[in-house]
Amino acid sequence: NGFMSPNDVRELEDLNPIPDEEGGNLYLVNGALCRLKDAGIFADKNTD
């Protein structure tokens, strides 16, 4: 859900951080979710 990064988790578990080039500080989310006002925006683009 994007409110924790891999390094945030590793810090809580007393593990060494992952370098930035390997995505240790990236905040990722699932693409299936979107804002309420953006609902249907992709369908409108496909129709146009």
ModelCIF file with pLDDT and N, C-alpha, C, O atoms, coordinates in Angstrom:
data_MODEL
#
_entry.id   MODEL 
#
_entity.id                         1 
_entity.type                       polymer 
_entity.pdbx_number_of_molecules   1 
#
_entity_poly.entity_id                      1 
_entity_poly.type                           'polypeptide(L)' 
_entity_poly.nstd_linkage                   no 
_entity_poly.nstd_monomer                   no 
_entity_poly.pdbx_seq_one_letter_code       NGFMSPNDVRELEDLNPIPDEEGGNLYLVNGALCRLKDAGIFADKNTD 
_entity_poly.pdbx_seq_one_letter_code_can   NGFMSPNDVRELEDLNPIPDEEGGNLYLVNGALCRLKDAGIFADKNTD 
_entity_poly.pdbx_strand_id                 A 
#
loop_
_entity_poly_seq.entity_id 
_entity_poly_seq.num 
_entity_poly_seq.mon_id 
_entity_poly_seq.hetero 
1 1  ASN n 
1 2  GLY n 
1 3  PHE n 
1 4  MET n 
1 5  SER n 
1 6  PRO n 
1 7  ASN n 
1 8  ASP n 
1 9  VAL n 
1 10 ARG n 
1 11 GLU n 
1 12 LEU n 
1 13 GLU n 
1 14 ASP n 
1 15 LEU n 
1 16 ASN n 
1 17 PRO n 
1 18 ILE n 
1 19 PRO n 
1 20 ASP n 
1 21 GLU n 
1 22 GLU n 
1 23 GLY n 
1 24 GLY n 
1 25 ASN n 
1 26 LEU n 
1 27 TYR n 
1 28 LEU n 
1 29 VAL n 
1 30 ASN n 
1 31 GLY n 
1 32 ALA n 
1 33 LEU n 
1 34 CYS n 
1 35 ARG n 
1 36 LEU n 
1 37 LYS n 
1 38 ASP n 
1 39 ALA n 
1 40 GLY n 
1 41 ILE n 
1 42 PHE n 
1 43 ALA n 
1 44 ASP n 
1 45 LYS n 
1 46 ASN n 
1 47 THR n 
1 48 ASP n 
#
_struct_asym.id          A 
_struct_asym.entity_id   1 
#
loop_
_ma_qa_metric.id 
_ma_qa_metric.mode 
_ma_qa_metric.name 
_ma_qa_metric.software_group_id 
_ma_qa_metric.type 
1 global pLDDT . pLDDT 
2 local  pLDDT . pLDDT 
#
_ma_qa_metric_global.metric_id      1 
_ma_qa_metric_global.metric_value   77.44 
_ma_qa_metric_global.model_id       1 
_ma_qa_metric_global.ordinal_id     1 
#
loop_
_ma_qa_metric_local.label_asym_id 
_ma_qa_metric_local.label_comp_id 
_ma_qa_metric_local.label_seq_id 
_ma_qa_metric_local.metric_id 
_ma_qa_metric_local.metric_value 
_ma_qa_metric_local.model_id 
_ma_qa_metric_local.ordinal_id 
A ASN 1  2 85.00 1 1  
A GLY 2  2 86.00 1 2  
A PHE 3  2 86.00 1 3  
A MET 4  2 90.00 1 4  
A SER 5  2 90.00 1 5  
A PRO 6  2 90.00 1 6  
A ASN 7  2 90.00 1 7  
A ASP 8  2 90.00 1 8  
A VAL 9  2 88.00 1 9  
A ARG 10 2 88.00 1 10 
A GLU 11 2 83.00 1 11 
A LEU 12 2 81.00 1 12 
A GLU 13 2 81.00 1 13 
A ASP 14 2 74.00 1 14 
A LEU 15 2 84.00 1 15 
A ASN 16 2 88.00 1 16 
A PRO 17 2 88.00 1 17 
A ILE 18 2 90.00 1 18 
A PRO 19 2 89.00 1 19 
A ASP 20 2 86.00 1 20 
A GLU 21 2 86.00 1 21 
A GLU 22 2 87.00 1 22 
A GLY 23 2 85.00 1 23 
A GLY 24 2 88.00 1 24 
A ASN 25 2 88.00 1 25 
A LEU 26 2 88.00 1 26 
A TYR 27 2 88.00 1 27 
A LEU 28 2 84.00 1 28 
A VAL 29 2 81.00 1 29 
A ASN 30 2 75.00 1 30 
A GLY 31 2 70.00 1 31 
A ALA 32 2 68.00 1 32 
A LEU 33 2 63.00 1 33 
A CYS 34 2 66.00 1 34 
A ARG 35 2 69.00 1 35 
A LEU 36 2 67.00 1 36 
A LYS 37 2 72.00 1 37 
A ASP 38 2 70.00 1 38 
A ALA 39 2 66.00 1 39 
A GLY 40 2 66.00 1 40 
A ILE 41 2 64.00 1 41 
A PHE 42 2 58.00 1 42 
A ALA 43 2 55.00 1 43 
A ASP 44 2 60.00 1 44 
A LYS 45 2 60.00 1 45 
A ASN 46 2 55.00 1 46 
A THR 47 2 55.00 1 47 
A ASP 48 2 56.00 1 48 
#
loop_
_atom_site.group_PDB 
_atom_site.id 
_atom_site.type_symbol 
_atom_site.label_atom_id 
_atom_site.label_alt_id 
_atom_site.label_comp_id 
_atom_site.label_asym_id 
_atom_site.label_entity_id 
_atom_site.label_seq_id 
_atom_site.pdbx_PDB_ins_code 
_atom_site.Cartn_x 
_atom_site.Cartn_y 
_atom_site.Cartn_z 
_atom_site.occupancy 
_atom_site.B_iso_or_equiv 
_atom_site.pdbx_formal_charge 
_atom_site.auth_seq_id 
_atom_site.auth_comp_id 
_atom_site.auth_asym_id 
_atom_site.auth_atom_id 
_atom_site.pdbx_PDB_model_num 
ATOM 1   N N  . ASN A 1 1  ? 0.799   -1.215 0.000   1.00 85.00 ? 1  ASN A N  1 
ATOM 2   C CA . ASN A 1 1  ? 0.000   0.000  0.000   1.00 85.00 ? 1  ASN A CA 1 
ATOM 3   C C  . ASN A 1 1  ? 0.838   1.275  0.000   1.00 85.00 ? 1  ASN A C  1 
ATOM 4   O O  . ASN A 1 1  ? 0.280   2.368  0.094   1.00 85.00 ? 1  ASN A O  1 
ATOM 5   N N  . GLY A 1 2  ? 2.134   1.167  -0.100  1.00 86.00 ? 2  GLY A N  1 
ATOM 6   C CA . GLY A 1 2  ? 2.983   2.316  -0.356  1.00 86.00 ? 2  GLY A CA 1 
ATOM 7   C C  . GLY A 1 2  ? 3.352   3.181  0.823   1.00 86.00 ? 2  GLY A C  1 
ATOM 8   O O  . GLY A 1 2  ? 3.956   4.234  0.618   1.00 86.00 ? 2  GLY A O  1 
ATOM 9   N N  . PHE A 1 3  ? 3.022   2.796  2.071   1.00 86.00 ? 3  PHE A N  1 
ATOM 10  C CA . PHE A 1 3  ? 3.432   3.619  3.201   1.00 86.00 ? 3  PHE A CA 1 
ATOM 11  C C  . PHE A 1 3  ? 4.669   3.064  3.908   1.00 86.00 ? 3  PHE A C  1 
ATOM 12  O O  . PHE A 1 3  ? 5.077   3.588  4.944   1.00 86.00 ? 3  PHE A O  1 
ATOM 13  N N  . MET A 1 4  ? 5.265   2.015  3.358   1.00 90.00 ? 4  MET A N  1 
ATOM 14  C CA . MET A 1 4  ? 6.523   1.473  3.842   1.00 90.00 ? 4  MET A CA 1 
ATOM 15  C C  . MET A 1 4  ? 7.395   1.086  2.659   1.00 90.00 ? 4  MET A C  1 
ATOM 16  O O  . MET A 1 4  ? 6.903   0.593  1.644   1.00 90.00 ? 4  MET A O  1 
ATOM 17  N N  . SER A 1 5  ? 8.691   1.316  2.801   1.00 90.00 ? 5  SER A N  1 
ATOM 18  C CA . SER A 1 5  ? 9.663   0.885  1.813   1.00 90.00 ? 5  SER A CA 1 
ATOM 19  C C  . SER A 1 5  ? 10.400  -0.346 2.325   1.00 90.00 ? 5  SER A C  1 
ATOM 20  O O  . SER A 1 5  ? 10.332  -0.648 3.516   1.00 90.00 ? 5  SER A O  1 
ATOM 21  N N  . PRO A 1 6  ? 11.106  -1.068 1.445   1.00 90.00 ? 6  PRO A N  1 
ATOM 22  C CA . PRO A 1 6  ? 11.881  -2.212 1.936   1.00 90.00 ? 6  PRO A CA 1 
ATOM 23  C C  . PRO A 1 6  ? 12.873  -1.855 3.037   1.00 90.00 ? 6  PRO A C  1 
ATOM 24  O O  . PRO A 1 6  ? 13.076  -2.646 3.959   1.00 90.00 ? 6  PRO A O  1 
ATOM 25  N N  . ASN A 1 7  ? 13.490  -0.687 2.961   1.00 90.00 ? 7  ASN A N  1 
ATOM 26  C CA . ASN A 1 7  ? 14.430  -0.286 4.006   1.00 90.00 ? 7  ASN A CA 1 
ATOM 27  C C  . ASN A 1 7  ? 13.733  0.047  5.317   1.00 90.00 ? 7  ASN A C  1 
ATOM 28  O O  . ASN A 1 7  ? 14.303  -0.150 6.390   1.00 90.00 ? 7  ASN A O  1 
ATOM 29  N N  . ASP A 1 8  ? 12.499  0.552  5.236   1.00 90.00 ? 8  ASP A N  1 
ATOM 30  C CA . ASP A 1 8  ? 11.741  0.771  6.468   1.00 90.00 ? 8  ASP A CA 1 
ATOM 31  C C  . ASP A 1 8  ? 11.505  -0.544 7.197   1.00 90.00 ? 8  ASP A C  1 
ATOM 32  O O  . ASP A 1 8  ? 11.627  -0.613 8.420   1.00 90.00 ? 8  ASP A O  1 
ATOM 33  N N  . VAL A 1 9  ? 11.172  -1.571 6.457   1.00 88.00 ? 9  VAL A N  1 
ATOM 34  C CA . VAL A 1 9  ? 10.958  -2.886 7.041   1.00 88.00 ? 9  VAL A CA 1 
ATOM 35  C C  . VAL A 1 9  ? 12.256  -3.444 7.601   1.00 88.00 ? 9  VAL A C  1 
ATOM 36  O O  . VAL A 1 9  ? 12.267  -3.992 8.703   1.00 88.00 ? 9  VAL A O  1 
ATOM 37  N N  . ARG A 1 10 ? 13.345  -3.314 6.865   1.00 88.00 ? 10 ARG A N  1 
ATOM 38  C CA . ARG A 1 10 ? 14.621  -3.855 7.307   1.00 88.00 ? 10 ARG A CA 1 
ATOM 39  C C  . ARG A 1 10 ? 15.137  -3.117 8.552   1.00 88.00 ? 10 ARG A C  1 
ATOM 40  O O  . ARG A 1 10 ? 15.809  -3.712 9.394   1.00 88.00 ? 10 ARG A O  1 
ATOM 41  N N  . GLU A 1 11 ? 14.823  -1.835 8.660   1.00 83.00 ? 11 GLU A N  1 
ATOM 42  C CA . GLU A 1 11 ? 15.225  -1.109 9.867   1.00 83.00 ? 11 GLU A CA 1 
ATOM 43  C C  . GLU A 1 11 ? 14.489  -1.618 11.087  1.00 83.00 ? 11 GLU A C  1 
ATOM 44  O O  . GLU A 1 11 ? 15.084  -1.741 12.158  1.00 83.00 ? 11 GLU A O  1 
ATOM 45  N N  . LEU A 1 12 ? 13.204  -1.919 10.949  1.00 81.00 ? 12 LEU A N  1 
ATOM 46  C CA . LEU A 1 12 ? 12.435  -2.466 12.067  1.00 81.00 ? 12 LEU A CA 1 
ATOM 47  C C  . LEU A 1 12 ? 12.907  -3.847 12.457  1.00 81.00 ? 12 LEU A C  1 
ATOM 48  O O  . LEU A 1 12 ? 12.758  -4.230 13.617  1.00 81.00 ? 12 LEU A O  1 
ATOM 49  N N  . GLU A 1 13 ? 13.464  -4.601 11.550  1.00 81.00 ? 13 GLU A N  1 
ATOM 50  C CA . GLU A 1 13 ? 13.970  -5.932 11.827  1.00 81.00 ? 13 GLU A CA 1 
ATOM 51  C C  . GLU A 1 13 ? 15.466  -5.956 12.102  1.00 81.00 ? 13 GLU A C  1 
ATOM 52  O O  . GLU A 1 13 ? 16.067  -7.028 12.164  1.00 81.00 ? 13 GLU A O  1 
ATOM 53  N N  . ASP A 1 14 ? 16.073  -4.786 12.266  1.00 74.00 ? 14 ASP A N  1 
ATOM 54  C CA . ASP A 1 14 ? 17.507  -4.670 12.566  1.00 74.00 ? 14 ASP A CA 1 
ATOM 55  C C  . ASP A 1 14 ? 18.369  -5.303 11.476  1.00 74.00 ? 14 ASP A C  1 
ATOM 56  O O  . ASP A 1 14 ? 19.343  -5.998 11.768  1.00 74.00 ? 14 ASP A O  1 
ATOM 57  N N  . LEU A 1 15 ? 18.003  -5.057 10.216  1.00 84.00 ? 15 LEU A N  1 
ATOM 58  C CA . LEU A 1 15 ? 18.772  -5.534 9.072   1.00 84.00 ? 15 LEU A CA 1 
ATOM 59  C C  . LEU A 1 15 ? 19.418  -4.352 8.360   1.00 84.00 ? 15 LEU A C  1 
ATOM 60  O O  . LEU A 1 15 ? 18.962  -3.215 8.481   1.00 84.00 ? 15 LEU A O  1 
ATOM 61  N N  . ASN A 1 16 ? 20.482  -4.634 7.619   1.00 88.00 ? 16 ASN A N  1 
ATOM 62  C CA . ASN A 1 16 ? 21.171  -3.593 6.866   1.00 88.00 ? 16 ASN A CA 1 
ATOM 63  C C  . ASN A 1 16 ? 20.310  -3.120 5.694   1.00 88.00 ? 16 ASN A C  1 
ATOM 64  O O  . ASN A 1 16 ? 19.588  -3.919 5.097   1.00 88.00 ? 16 ASN A O  1 
ATOM 65  N N  . PRO A 1 17 ? 20.380  -1.811 5.354   1.00 88.00 ? 17 PRO A N  1 
ATOM 66  C CA . PRO A 1 17 ? 19.538  -1.301 4.270   1.00 88.00 ? 17 PRO A CA 1 
ATOM 67  C C  . PRO A 1 17 ? 20.003  -1.788 2.901   1.00 88.00 ? 17 PRO A C  1 
ATOM 68  O O  . PRO A 1 17 ? 21.154  -2.184 2.715   1.00 88.00 ? 17 PRO A O  1 
ATOM 69  N N  . ILE A 1 18 ? 19.071  -1.745 1.948   1.00 90.00 ? 18 ILE A N  1 
ATOM 70  C CA . ILE A 1 18 ? 19.347  -2.082 0.554   1.00 90.00 ? 18 ILE A CA 1 
ATOM 71  C C  . ILE A 1 18 ? 19.711  -0.804 -0.192  1.00 90.00 ? 18 ILE A C  1 
ATOM 72  O O  . ILE A 1 18 ? 19.070  0.223  0.031   1.00 90.00 ? 18 ILE A O  1 
ATOM 73  N N  . PRO A 1 19 ? 20.721  -0.826 -1.074  1.00 89.00 ? 19 PRO A N  1 
ATOM 74  C CA . PRO A 1 19 ? 21.081  0.392  -1.815  1.00 89.00 ? 19 PRO A CA 1 
ATOM 75  C C  . PRO A 1 19 ? 19.923  0.928  -2.645  1.00 89.00 ? 19 PRO A C  1 
ATOM 76  O O  . PRO A 1 19 ? 18.988  0.205  -2.989  1.00 89.00 ? 19 PRO A O  1 
ATOM 77  N N  . ASP A 1 20 ? 20.017  2.237  -2.959  1.00 86.00 ? 20 ASP A N  1 
ATOM 78  C CA . ASP A 1 20 ? 18.957  2.874  -3.735  1.00 86.00 ? 20 ASP A CA 1 
ATOM 79  C C  . ASP A 1 20 ? 18.820  2.286  -5.127  1.00 86.00 ? 20 ASP A C  1 
ATOM 80  O O  . ASP A 1 20 ? 17.709  2.184  -5.648  1.00 86.00 ? 20 ASP A O  1 
ATOM 81  N N  . GLU A 1 21 ? 19.923  1.901  -5.733  1.00 86.00 ? 21 GLU A N  1 
ATOM 82  C CA . GLU A 1 21 ? 19.849  1.359  -7.079  1.00 86.00 ? 21 GLU A CA 1 
ATOM 83  C C  . GLU A 1 21 ? 19.135  0.017  -7.139  1.00 86.00 ? 21 GLU A C  1 
ATOM 84  O O  . GLU A 1 21 ? 18.710  -0.421 -8.208  1.00 86.00 ? 21 GLU A O  1 
ATOM 85  N N  . GLU A 1 22 ? 19.007  -0.627 -6.002  1.00 87.00 ? 22 GLU A N  1 
ATOM 86  C CA . GLU A 1 22 ? 18.278  -1.893 -5.948  1.00 87.00 ? 22 GLU A CA 1 
ATOM 87  C C  . GLU A 1 22 ? 16.854  -1.711 -5.427  1.00 87.00 ? 22 GLU A C  1 
ATOM 88  O O  . GLU A 1 22 ? 16.161  -2.693 -5.161  1.00 87.00 ? 22 GLU A O  1 
ATOM 89  N N  . GLY A 1 23 ? 16.418  -0.464 -5.280  1.00 85.00 ? 23 GLY A N  1 
ATOM 90  C CA . GLY A 1 23 ? 15.035  -0.198 -4.897  1.00 85.00 ? 23 GLY A CA 1 
ATOM 91  C C  . GLY A 1 23 ? 14.763  -0.268 -3.421  1.00 85.00 ? 23 GLY A C  1 
ATOM 92  O O  . GLY A 1 23 ? 13.636  -0.551 -3.016  1.00 85.00 ? 23 GLY A O  1 
ATOM 93  N N  . GLY A 1 24 ? 15.784  -0.012 -2.585  1.00 88.00 ? 24 GLY A N  1 
ATOM 94  C CA . GLY A 1 24 ? 15.578  -0.113 -1.151  1.00 88.00 ? 24 GLY A CA 1 
ATOM 95  C C  . GLY A 1 24 ? 14.686  0.963  -0.580  1.00 88.00 ? 24 GLY A C  1 
ATOM 96  O O  . GLY A 1 24 ? 14.028  0.734  0.435   1.00 88.00 ? 24 GLY A O  1 
ATOM 97  N N  . ASN A 1 25 ? 14.640  2.148  -1.206  1.00 88.00 ? 25 ASN A N  1 
ATOM 98  C CA . ASN A 1 25 ? 13.851  3.275  -0.699  1.00 88.00 ? 25 ASN A CA 1 
ATOM 99  C C  . ASN A 1 25 ? 12.652  3.596  -1.569  1.00 88.00 ? 25 ASN A C  1 
ATOM 100 O O  . ASN A 1 25 ? 12.117  4.702  -1.482  1.00 88.00 ? 25 ASN A O  1 
ATOM 101 N N  . LEU A 1 26 ? 12.215  2.671  -2.400  1.00 88.00 ? 26 LEU A N  1 
ATOM 102 C CA . LEU A 1 26 ? 11.057  2.899  -3.253  1.00 88.00 ? 26 LEU A CA 1 
ATOM 103 C C  . LEU A 1 26 ? 9.771   2.598  -2.500  1.00 88.00 ? 26 LEU A C  1 
ATOM 104 O O  . LEU A 1 26 ? 9.705   1.647  -1.722  1.00 88.00 ? 26 LEU A O  1 
ATOM 105 N N  . TYR A 1 27 ? 8.755   3.409  -2.734  1.00 88.00 ? 27 TYR A N  1 
ATOM 106 C CA . TYR A 1 27 ? 7.424   3.211  -2.182  1.00 88.00 ? 27 TYR A CA 1 
ATOM 107 C C  . TYR A 1 27 ? 6.508   2.788  -3.319  1.00 88.00 ? 27 TYR A C  1 
ATOM 108 O O  . TYR A 1 27 ? 6.246   3.581  -4.223  1.00 88.00 ? 27 TYR A O  1 
ATOM 109 N N  . LEU A 1 28 ? 6.020   1.568  -3.293  1.00 84.00 ? 28 LEU A N  1 
ATOM 110 C CA . LEU A 1 28 ? 5.275   0.970  -4.382  1.00 84.00 ? 28 LEU A CA 1 
ATOM 111 C C  . LEU A 1 28 ? 3.841   0.721  -3.967  1.00 84.00 ? 28 LEU A C  1 
ATOM 112 O O  . LEU A 1 28 ? 3.560   0.496  -2.790  1.00 84.00 ? 28 LEU A O  1 
ATOM 113 N N  . VAL A 1 29 ? 2.926   0.761  -4.937  1.00 81.00 ? 29 VAL A N  1 
ATOM 114 C CA . VAL A 1 29 ? 1.512   0.490  -4.707  1.00 81.00 ? 29 VAL A CA 1 
ATOM 115 C C  . VAL A 1 29 ? 1.004   -0.424 -5.806  1.00 81.00 ? 29 VAL A C  1 
ATOM 116 O O  . VAL A 1 29 ? 1.581   -0.496 -6.891  1.00 81.00 ? 29 VAL A O  1 
ATOM 117 N N  . ASN A 1 30 ? -0.092  -1.126 -5.507  1.00 75.00 ? 30 ASN A N  1 
ATOM 118 C CA . ASN A 1 30 ? -0.759  -1.928 -6.519  1.00 75.00 ? 30 ASN A CA 1 
ATOM 119 C C  . ASN A 1 30 ? -1.463  -1.032 -7.523  1.00 75.00 ? 30 ASN A C  1 
ATOM 120 O O  . ASN A 1 30 ? -2.054  -0.025 -7.134  1.00 75.00 ? 30 ASN A O  1 
ATOM 121 N N  . GLY A 1 31 ? -1.416  -1.376 -8.818  1.00 70.00 ? 31 GLY A N  1 
ATOM 122 C CA . GLY A 1 31 ? -2.033  -0.550 -9.847  1.00 70.00 ? 31 GLY A CA 1 
ATOM 123 C C  . GLY A 1 31 ? -3.526  -0.713 -9.978  1.00 70.00 ? 31 GLY A C  1 
ATOM 124 O O  . GLY A 1 31 ? -4.147  -0.044 -10.803 1.00 70.00 ? 31 GLY A O  1 
ATOM 125 N N  . ALA A 1 32 ? -4.114  -1.577 -9.192  1.00 68.00 ? 32 ALA A N  1 
ATOM 126 C CA . ALA A 1 32 ? -5.550  -1.791 -9.302  1.00 68.00 ? 32 ALA A CA 1 
ATOM 127 C C  . ALA A 1 32 ? -6.365  -0.719 -8.593  1.00 68.00 ? 32 ALA A C  1 
ATOM 128 O O  . ALA A 1 32 ? -7.586  -0.685 -8.749  1.00 68.00 ? 32 ALA A O  1 
ATOM 129 N N  . LEU A 1 33 ? -5.744  0.141  -7.835  1.00 63.00 ? 33 LEU A N  1 
ATOM 130 C CA . LEU A 1 33 ? -6.455  1.160  -7.092  1.00 63.00 ? 33 LEU A CA 1 
ATOM 131 C C  . LEU A 1 33 ? -6.224  2.531  -7.721  1.00 63.00 ? 33 LEU A C  1 
ATOM 132 O O  . LEU A 1 33 ? -5.163  2.786  -8.290  1.00 63.00 ? 33 LEU A O  1 
ATOM 133 N N  . CYS A 1 34 ? -7.213  3.406  -7.618  1.00 66.00 ? 34 CYS A N  1 
ATOM 134 C CA . CYS A 1 34 ? -7.113  4.759  -8.125  1.00 66.00 ? 34 CYS A CA 1 
ATOM 135 C C  . CYS A 1 34 ? -7.997  5.682  -7.295  1.00 66.00 ? 34 CYS A C  1 
ATOM 136 O O  . CYS A 1 34 ? -8.803  5.213  -6.491  1.00 66.00 ? 34 CYS A O  1 
ATOM 137 N N  . ARG A 1 35 ? -7.851  6.991  -7.486  1.00 69.00 ? 35 ARG A N  1 
ATOM 138 C CA . ARG A 1 35 ? -8.672  7.953  -6.778  1.00 69.00 ? 35 ARG A CA 1 
ATOM 139 C C  . ARG A 1 35 ? -10.117 7.894  -7.253  1.00 69.00 ? 35 ARG A C  1 
ATOM 140 O O  . ARG A 1 35 ? -10.397 7.484  -8.379  1.00 69.00 ? 35 ARG A O  1 
ATOM 141 N N  . LEU A 1 36 ? -11.033 8.312  -6.377  1.00 67.00 ? 36 LEU A N  1 
ATOM 142 C CA . LEU A 1 36 ? -12.446 8.244  -6.725  1.00 67.00 ? 36 LEU A CA 1 
ATOM 143 C C  . LEU A 1 36 ? -12.771 9.127  -7.918  1.00 67.00 ? 36 LEU A C  1 
ATOM 144 O O  . LEU A 1 36 ? -13.563 8.739  -8.776  1.00 67.00 ? 36 LEU A O  1 
ATOM 145 N N  . LYS A 1 37 ? -12.165 10.320 -7.986  1.00 72.00 ? 37 LYS A N  1 
ATOM 146 C CA . LYS A 1 37 ? -12.468 11.214 -9.102  1.00 72.00 ? 37 LYS A CA 1 
ATOM 147 C C  . LYS A 1 37 ? -11.882 10.725 -10.420 1.00 72.00 ? 37 LYS A C  1 
ATOM 148 O O  . LYS A 1 37 ? -12.290 11.175 -11.490 1.00 72.00 ? 37 LYS A O  1 
ATOM 149 N N  . ASP A 1 38 ? -10.918 9.796  -10.341 1.00 70.00 ? 38 ASP A N  1 
ATOM 150 C CA . ASP A 1 38 ? -10.319 9.252  -11.561 1.00 70.00 ? 38 ASP A CA 1 
ATOM 151 C C  . ASP A 1 38 ? -11.008 7.989  -12.032 1.00 70.00 ? 38 ASP A C  1 
ATOM 152 O O  . ASP A 1 38 ? -10.586 7.387  -13.020 1.00 70.00 ? 38 ASP A O  1 
ATOM 153 N N  . ALA A 1 39 ? -12.055 7.578  -11.347 1.00 66.00 ? 39 ALA A N  1 
ATOM 154 C CA . ALA A 1 39 ? -12.753 6.365  -11.753 1.00 66.00 ? 39 ALA A CA 1 
ATOM 155 C C  . ALA A 1 39 ? -13.365 6.544  -13.139 1.00 66.00 ? 39 ALA A C  1 
ATOM 156 O O  . ALA A 1 39 ? -14.067 7.528  -13.376 1.00 66.00 ? 39 ALA A O  1 
ATOM 157 N N  . GLY A 1 40 ? -13.111 5.608  -14.065 1.00 66.00 ? 40 GLY A N  1 
ATOM 158 C CA . GLY A 1 40 ? -13.634 5.655  -15.417 1.00 66.00 ? 40 GLY A CA 1 
ATOM 159 C C  . GLY A 1 40 ? -12.830 6.491  -16.383 1.00 66.00 ? 40 GLY A C  1 
ATOM 160 O O  . GLY A 1 40 ? -13.193 6.566  -17.557 1.00 66.00 ? 40 GLY A O  1 
ATOM 161 N N  . ILE A 1 41 ? -11.738 7.134  -15.943 1.00 64.00 ? 41 ILE A N  1 
ATOM 162 C CA . ILE A 1 41 ? -10.976 7.992  -16.824 1.00 64.00 ? 41 ILE A CA 1 
ATOM 163 C C  . ILE A 1 41 ? -10.313 7.199  -17.940 1.00 64.00 ? 41 ILE A C  1 
ATOM 164 O O  . ILE A 1 41 ? -10.185 7.680  -19.066 1.00 64.00 ? 41 ILE A O  1 
ATOM 165 N N  . PHE A 1 42 ? -9.890  5.975  -17.617 1.00 58.00 ? 42 PHE A N  1 
ATOM 166 C CA . PHE A 1 42 ? -9.255  5.164  -18.650 1.00 58.00 ? 42 PHE A CA 1 
ATOM 167 C C  . PHE A 1 42 ? -10.269 4.671  -19.670 1.00 58.00 ? 42 PHE A C  1 
ATOM 168 O O  . PHE A 1 42 ? -9.943  4.534  -20.849 1.00 58.00 ? 42 PHE A O  1 
ATOM 169 N N  . ALA A 1 43 ? -11.481 4.406  -19.237 1.00 55.00 ? 43 ALA A N  1 
ATOM 170 C CA . ALA A 1 43 ? -12.528 4.002  -20.176 1.00 55.00 ? 43 ALA A CA 1 
ATOM 171 C C  . ALA A 1 43 ? -12.869 5.136  -21.128 1.00 55.00 ? 43 ALA A C  1 
ATOM 172 O O  . ALA A 1 43 ? -13.082 4.883  -22.314 1.00 55.00 ? 43 ALA A O  1 
ATOM 173 N N  . ASP A 1 44 ? -12.929 6.372  -20.660 1.00 60.00 ? 44 ASP A N  1 
ATOM 174 C CA . ASP A 1 44 ? -13.212 7.521  -21.516 1.00 60.00 ? 44 ASP A CA 1 
ATOM 175 C C  . ASP A 1 44 ? -12.111 7.708  -22.544 1.00 60.00 ? 44 ASP A C  1 
ATOM 176 O O  . ASP A 1 44 ? -12.380 8.029  -23.701 1.00 60.00 ? 44 ASP A O  1 
ATOM 177 N N  . LYS A 1 45 ? -10.847 7.503  -22.111 1.00 60.00 ? 45 LYS A N  1 
ATOM 178 C CA . LYS A 1 45 ? -9.759  7.642  -23.058 1.00 60.00 ? 45 LYS A CA 1 
ATOM 179 C C  . LYS A 1 45 ? -9.837  6.591  -24.144 1.00 60.00 ? 45 LYS A C  1 
ATOM 180 O O  . LYS A 1 45 ? -9.542  6.883  -25.303 1.00 60.00 ? 45 LYS A O  1 
ATOM 181 N N  . ASN A 1 46 ? -10.226 5.372  -23.799 1.00 55.00 ? 46 ASN A N  1 
ATOM 182 C CA . ASN A 1 46 ? -10.346 4.322  -24.797 1.00 55.00 ? 46 ASN A CA 1 
ATOM 183 C C  . ASN A 1 46 ? -11.496 4.598  -25.768 1.00 55.00 ? 46 ASN A C  1 
ATOM 184 O O  . ASN A 1 46 ? -11.394 4.292  -26.956 1.00 55.00 ? 46 ASN A O  1 
ATOM 185 N N  . THR A 1 47 ? -12.575 5.170  -25.269 1.00 55.00 ? 47 THR A N  1 
ATOM 186 C CA . THR A 1 47 ? -13.720 5.490  -26.135 1.00 55.00 ? 47 THR A CA 1 
ATOM 187 C C  . THR A 1 47 ? -13.358 6.571  -27.139 1.00 55.00 ? 47 THR A C  1 
ATOM 188 O O  . THR A 1 47 ? -13.711 6.469  -28.314 1.00 55.00 ? 47 THR A O  1 
ATOM 189 N N  . ASP A 1 48 ? -12.658 7.604  -26.690 1.00 56.00 ? 48 ASP A N  1 
ATOM 190 C CA . ASP A 1 48 ? -12.240 8.674  -27.593 1.00 56.00 ? 48 ASP A CA 1 
ATOM 191 C C  . ASP A 1 48 ? -11.298 8.141  -28.666 1.00 56.00 ? 48 ASP A C  1 
ATOM 192 O O  . ASP A 1 48 ? -10.841 8.901  -29.520 1.00 56.00 ? 48 ASP A O  1 
#
